Amino acid sequence: MHYAKRKRGTMEIMLEILKSCEDQCGITKVIYGAGVNYLVAQKYVDQLVKIGALNVKIDGERKYYVITEKGKILKGHIEQFLKLRQDLDEVRGKVLELLRQ
């Protein structure tokens, strides 16, 4: 059974950023952790800061991001959502396969 690889969406990127910032992270760690370029990373980090999922910490000239309690809850919900979507995609594939027989 072959499934087309899906392009990563907002949920997957946000999840990778939240995982990257479980300790504390700079924008470079976000870029490498999420596998996105600077502009995309900054867009999502800004959004996560705005909703309170990440806090900004400034140490001299360096800016760090730290996941908040709300961010940990969001991370858990995104993981749960992605797992359910994967399960549904697998069941959908099985149904379509049976319908072709």
N, C-alpha and C. Protein backbone atom coordinates (compact mmCIF):
# COMPACT_ATOMS: atom_id res chain seq x y z
N MET A 1 0.85 -1.17 0.00
CA MET A 1 0.00 0.00 0.00
C MET A 1 0.89 1.23 0.00
N HIS A 2 0.65 2.16 -0.90
CA HIS A 2 1.49 3.35 -1.03
C HIS A 2 0.66 4.60 -0.75
N TYR A 3 1.17 5.43 0.12
CA TYR A 3 0.52 6.70 0.44
C TYR A 3 1.44 7.82 0.01
N ALA A 4 0.87 8.84 -0.59
CA ALA A 4 1.66 10.00 -0.98
C ALA A 4 2.11 10.75 0.27
N LYS A 5 3.35 11.19 0.26
CA LYS A 5 3.85 11.95 1.40
C LYS A 5 3.23 13.34 1.37
N ARG A 6 2.66 13.72 2.49
CA ARG A 6 1.96 14.98 2.61
C ARG A 6 2.92 16.10 2.99
N LYS A 7 2.72 17.24 2.40
CA LYS A 7 3.51 18.41 2.75
C LYS A 7 3.21 18.79 4.20
N ARG A 8 4.23 19.20 4.94
CA ARG A 8 4.00 19.60 6.33
C ARG A 8 3.15 20.86 6.38
N GLY A 9 2.27 20.87 7.33
CA GLY A 9 1.41 22.03 7.50
C GLY A 9 1.76 22.78 8.77
N THR A 10 0.91 23.72 9.11
CA THR A 10 1.09 24.55 10.29
C THR A 10 1.25 23.73 11.55
N MET A 11 0.42 22.72 11.73
CA MET A 11 0.47 21.91 12.95
C MET A 11 1.82 21.23 13.12
N GLU A 12 2.32 20.62 12.05
CA GLU A 12 3.60 19.92 12.14
C GLU A 12 4.74 20.89 12.44
N ILE A 13 4.74 22.02 11.79
CA ILE A 13 5.80 23.01 12.02
C ILE A 13 5.73 23.55 13.44
N MET A 14 4.54 23.90 13.91
CA MET A 14 4.40 24.40 15.28
C MET A 14 4.86 23.35 16.30
N LEU A 15 4.51 22.10 16.05
CA LEU A 15 4.92 21.03 16.96
C LEU A 15 6.44 20.94 17.04
N GLU A 16 7.11 20.99 15.91
CA GLU A 16 8.57 20.91 15.90
C GLU A 16 9.20 22.11 16.61
N ILE A 17 8.62 23.27 16.46
CA ILE A 17 9.13 24.46 17.15
C ILE A 17 8.93 24.31 18.65
N LEU A 18 7.76 23.87 19.07
CA LEU A 18 7.51 23.68 20.50
C LEU A 18 8.46 22.64 21.09
N LYS A 19 8.72 21.56 20.34
CA LYS A 19 9.67 20.55 20.81
C LYS A 19 11.08 21.14 20.93
N SER A 20 11.45 21.99 19.98
CA SER A 20 12.78 22.61 20.00
C SER A 20 12.98 23.51 21.21
N CYS A 21 11.89 24.08 21.70
CA CYS A 21 11.98 25.06 22.78
C CYS A 21 11.61 24.48 24.14
N GLU A 22 11.64 23.17 24.29
CA GLU A 22 11.29 22.57 25.58
C GLU A 22 12.26 23.00 26.67
N ASP A 23 13.53 23.12 26.36
CA ASP A 23 14.47 23.69 27.33
C ASP A 23 14.44 25.20 27.10
N GLN A 24 15.33 25.70 26.35
CA GLN A 24 15.27 27.06 25.83
C GLN A 24 15.97 27.02 24.49
N CYS A 25 15.59 27.90 23.61
CA CYS A 25 16.18 27.84 22.28
C CYS A 25 16.29 29.23 21.69
N GLY A 26 17.28 29.38 20.84
CA GLY A 26 17.40 30.57 20.02
C GLY A 26 16.77 30.28 18.67
N ILE A 27 16.73 31.27 17.83
CA ILE A 27 16.08 31.11 16.53
C ILE A 27 16.82 30.07 15.67
N THR A 28 18.16 29.95 15.85
CA THR A 28 18.90 28.96 15.07
C THR A 28 18.46 27.54 15.41
N LYS A 29 18.27 27.26 16.69
CA LYS A 29 17.80 25.93 17.10
C LYS A 29 16.40 25.66 16.54
N VAL A 30 15.57 26.69 16.50
CA VAL A 30 14.22 26.56 15.91
C VAL A 30 14.33 26.22 14.43
N ILE A 31 15.20 26.93 13.73
CA ILE A 31 15.37 26.71 12.29
C ILE A 31 15.79 25.26 12.01
N TYR A 32 16.79 24.78 12.74
CA TYR A 32 17.26 23.41 12.52
C TYR A 32 16.27 22.38 13.04
N GLY A 33 15.66 22.64 14.19
CA GLY A 33 14.71 21.69 14.78
C GLY A 33 13.46 21.50 13.93
N ALA A 34 12.97 22.61 13.38
CA ALA A 34 11.75 22.54 12.58
C ALA A 34 12.02 22.34 11.10
N GLY A 35 13.27 22.53 10.70
CA GLY A 35 13.61 22.34 9.29
C GLY A 35 12.99 23.39 8.38
N VAL A 36 12.99 24.63 8.84
CA VAL A 36 12.43 25.73 8.06
C VAL A 36 13.45 26.85 7.94
N ASN A 37 13.20 27.80 7.06
CA ASN A 37 14.12 28.92 6.93
C ASN A 37 13.82 29.99 7.99
N TYR A 38 14.65 31.01 8.04
CA TYR A 38 14.54 32.03 9.07
C TYR A 38 13.18 32.73 9.05
N LEU A 39 12.71 33.12 7.89
CA LEU A 39 11.45 33.86 7.81
C LEU A 39 10.26 33.03 8.29
N VAL A 40 10.24 31.77 7.90
CA VAL A 40 9.15 30.88 8.34
C VAL A 40 9.24 30.65 9.85
N ALA A 41 10.46 30.40 10.34
CA ALA A 41 10.65 30.17 11.78
C ALA A 41 10.19 31.39 12.57
N GLN A 42 10.59 32.58 12.14
CA GLN A 42 10.23 33.79 12.86
C GLN A 42 8.72 34.02 12.85
N LYS A 43 8.08 33.72 11.73
CA LYS A 43 6.62 33.87 11.62
C LYS A 43 5.91 33.00 12.65
N TYR A 44 6.30 31.74 12.72
CA TYR A 44 5.65 30.82 13.66
C TYR A 44 6.02 31.13 15.11
N VAL A 45 7.27 31.47 15.37
CA VAL A 45 7.68 31.83 16.73
C VAL A 45 6.89 33.05 17.20
N ASP A 46 6.77 34.06 16.35
CA ASP A 46 6.00 35.26 16.71
C ASP A 46 4.56 34.90 17.04
N GLN A 47 3.99 34.01 16.25
CA GLN A 47 2.60 33.58 16.49
C GLN A 47 2.49 32.83 17.82
N LEU A 48 3.45 31.95 18.11
CA LEU A 48 3.42 31.19 19.36
C LEU A 48 3.65 32.09 20.57
N VAL A 49 4.47 33.12 20.42
CA VAL A 49 4.68 34.10 21.50
C VAL A 49 3.39 34.89 21.71
N LYS A 50 2.77 35.29 20.63
CA LYS A 50 1.54 36.10 20.71
C LYS A 50 0.43 35.37 21.47
N ILE A 51 0.30 34.06 21.27
CA ILE A 51 -0.77 33.32 21.94
C ILE A 51 -0.35 32.82 23.32
N GLY A 52 0.91 33.06 23.69
CA GLY A 52 1.37 32.66 25.02
C GLY A 52 1.90 31.25 25.14
N ALA A 53 2.22 30.62 24.01
CA ALA A 53 2.77 29.27 24.03
C ALA A 53 4.29 29.28 24.24
N LEU A 54 4.92 30.40 23.89
CA LEU A 54 6.35 30.60 24.12
C LEU A 54 6.56 31.92 24.84
N ASN A 55 7.55 31.96 25.72
CA ASN A 55 7.99 33.20 26.36
C ASN A 55 9.32 33.60 25.76
N VAL A 56 9.56 34.90 25.72
CA VAL A 56 10.83 35.43 25.23
C VAL A 56 11.69 35.79 26.43
N LYS A 57 12.93 35.34 26.41
CA LYS A 57 13.91 35.70 27.45
C LYS A 57 15.08 36.37 26.74
N ILE A 58 15.54 37.48 27.30
CA ILE A 58 16.67 38.19 26.70
C ILE A 58 17.85 38.11 27.66
N ASP A 59 18.99 37.64 27.13
CA ASP A 59 20.22 37.50 27.91
C ASP A 59 21.29 38.30 27.17
N GLY A 60 21.50 39.52 27.61
CA GLY A 60 22.45 40.39 26.90
C GLY A 60 21.89 40.73 25.54
N GLU A 61 22.60 40.29 24.51
CA GLU A 61 22.15 40.55 23.14
C GLU A 61 21.43 39.36 22.52
N ARG A 62 21.34 38.26 23.26
CA ARG A 62 20.71 37.04 22.74
C ARG A 62 19.26 36.96 23.17
N LYS A 63 18.43 36.49 22.26
CA LYS A 63 17.02 36.29 22.55
C LYS A 63 16.74 34.80 22.55
N TYR A 64 16.11 34.32 23.62
CA TYR A 64 15.78 32.91 23.75
C TYR A 64 14.27 32.75 23.88
N TYR A 65 13.81 31.57 23.51
CA TYR A 65 12.40 31.23 23.64
C TYR A 65 12.27 30.01 24.55
N VAL A 66 11.25 30.05 25.39
CA VAL A 66 11.00 28.95 26.33
C VAL A 66 9.52 28.60 26.25
N ILE A 67 9.24 27.30 26.19
CA ILE A 67 7.85 26.85 26.13
C ILE A 67 7.16 27.14 27.47
N THR A 68 5.93 27.58 27.42
CA THR A 68 5.14 27.86 28.62
C THR A 68 4.25 26.66 28.93
N GLU A 69 3.53 26.75 30.02
CA GLU A 69 2.57 25.69 30.36
C GLU A 69 1.52 25.56 29.26
N LYS A 70 1.05 26.70 28.78
CA LYS A 70 0.08 26.70 27.67
C LYS A 70 0.70 26.04 26.43
N GLY A 71 1.97 26.30 26.19
CA GLY A 71 2.67 25.69 25.06
C GLY A 71 2.78 24.18 25.19
N LYS A 72 3.01 23.72 26.43
CA LYS A 72 3.08 22.27 26.67
C LYS A 72 1.72 21.61 26.41
N ILE A 73 0.66 22.28 26.83
CA ILE A 73 -0.70 21.76 26.58
C ILE A 73 -0.97 21.74 25.07
N LEU A 74 -0.62 22.84 24.40
CA LEU A 74 -0.81 22.92 22.95
C LEU A 74 -0.03 21.82 22.24
N LYS A 75 1.21 21.60 22.66
CA LYS A 75 2.05 20.54 22.08
C LYS A 75 1.37 19.18 22.22
N GLY A 76 0.84 18.90 23.38
CA GLY A 76 0.13 17.63 23.60
C GLY A 76 -1.09 17.49 22.70
N HIS A 77 -1.84 18.56 22.57
CA HIS A 77 -3.04 18.52 21.71
C HIS A 77 -2.67 18.34 20.24
N ILE A 78 -1.61 19.02 19.81
CA ILE A 78 -1.18 18.86 18.41
C ILE A 78 -0.71 17.43 18.16
N GLU A 79 0.05 16.86 19.10
CA GLU A 79 0.50 15.48 18.94
C GLU A 79 -0.70 14.53 18.84
N GLN A 80 -1.69 14.76 19.69
CA GLN A 80 -2.89 13.93 19.67
C GLN A 80 -3.63 14.08 18.35
N PHE A 81 -3.78 15.31 17.89
CA PHE A 81 -4.45 15.59 16.62
C PHE A 81 -3.74 14.90 15.46
N LEU A 82 -2.41 15.02 15.40
CA LEU A 82 -1.66 14.43 14.30
C LEU A 82 -1.74 12.90 14.31
N LYS A 83 -1.75 12.32 15.49
CA LYS A 83 -1.89 10.86 15.61
C LYS A 83 -3.26 10.42 15.10
N LEU A 84 -4.31 11.15 15.49
CA LEU A 84 -5.66 10.82 15.02
C LEU A 84 -5.76 10.95 13.50
N ARG A 85 -5.16 12.02 12.96
CA ARG A 85 -5.20 12.23 11.52
C ARG A 85 -4.47 11.10 10.80
N GLN A 86 -3.34 10.67 11.35
CA GLN A 86 -2.60 9.56 10.75
C GLN A 86 -3.44 8.28 10.78
N ASP A 87 -4.07 8.01 11.92
CA ASP A 87 -4.92 6.83 12.04
C ASP A 87 -6.07 6.88 11.03
N LEU A 88 -6.69 8.05 10.89
CA LEU A 88 -7.79 8.19 9.93
C LEU A 88 -7.32 7.98 8.50
N ASP A 89 -6.14 8.51 8.18
CA ASP A 89 -5.59 8.33 6.83
C ASP A 89 -5.35 6.85 6.54
N GLU A 90 -4.85 6.12 7.55
CA GLU A 90 -4.61 4.68 7.36
C GLU A 90 -5.92 3.93 7.14
N VAL A 91 -6.94 4.25 7.93
CA VAL A 91 -8.24 3.58 7.78
C VAL A 91 -8.85 3.95 6.44
N ARG A 92 -8.73 5.19 6.04
CA ARG A 92 -9.26 5.63 4.74
C ARG A 92 -8.61 4.83 3.62
N GLY A 93 -7.29 4.64 3.71
CA GLY A 93 -6.58 3.86 2.71
C GLY A 93 -7.09 2.43 2.64
N LYS A 94 -7.34 1.84 3.79
CA LYS A 94 -7.86 0.47 3.84
C LYS A 94 -9.26 0.38 3.23
N VAL A 95 -10.09 1.36 3.54
CA VAL A 95 -11.45 1.39 2.98
C VAL A 95 -11.38 1.51 1.46
N LEU A 96 -10.57 2.44 0.97
CA LEU A 96 -10.45 2.62 -0.48
C LEU A 96 -9.92 1.37 -1.16
N GLU A 97 -8.99 0.71 -0.51
CA GLU A 97 -8.45 -0.53 -1.07
C GLU A 97 -9.54 -1.60 -1.17
N LEU A 98 -10.37 -1.72 -0.16
CA LEU A 98 -11.47 -2.71 -0.19
C LEU A 98 -12.50 -2.34 -1.24
N LEU A 99 -12.74 -1.07 -1.43
CA LEU A 99 -13.72 -0.65 -2.43
C LEU A 99 -13.24 -0.91 -3.85
N ARG A 100 -11.94 -0.98 -4.07
CA ARG A 100 -11.38 -1.24 -5.39
C ARG A 100 -11.42 -2.72 -5.75
N GLN A 101 -11.63 -3.59 -4.78
CA GLN A 101 -11.60 -5.04 -5.04
C GLN A 101 -12.85 -5.53 -5.69
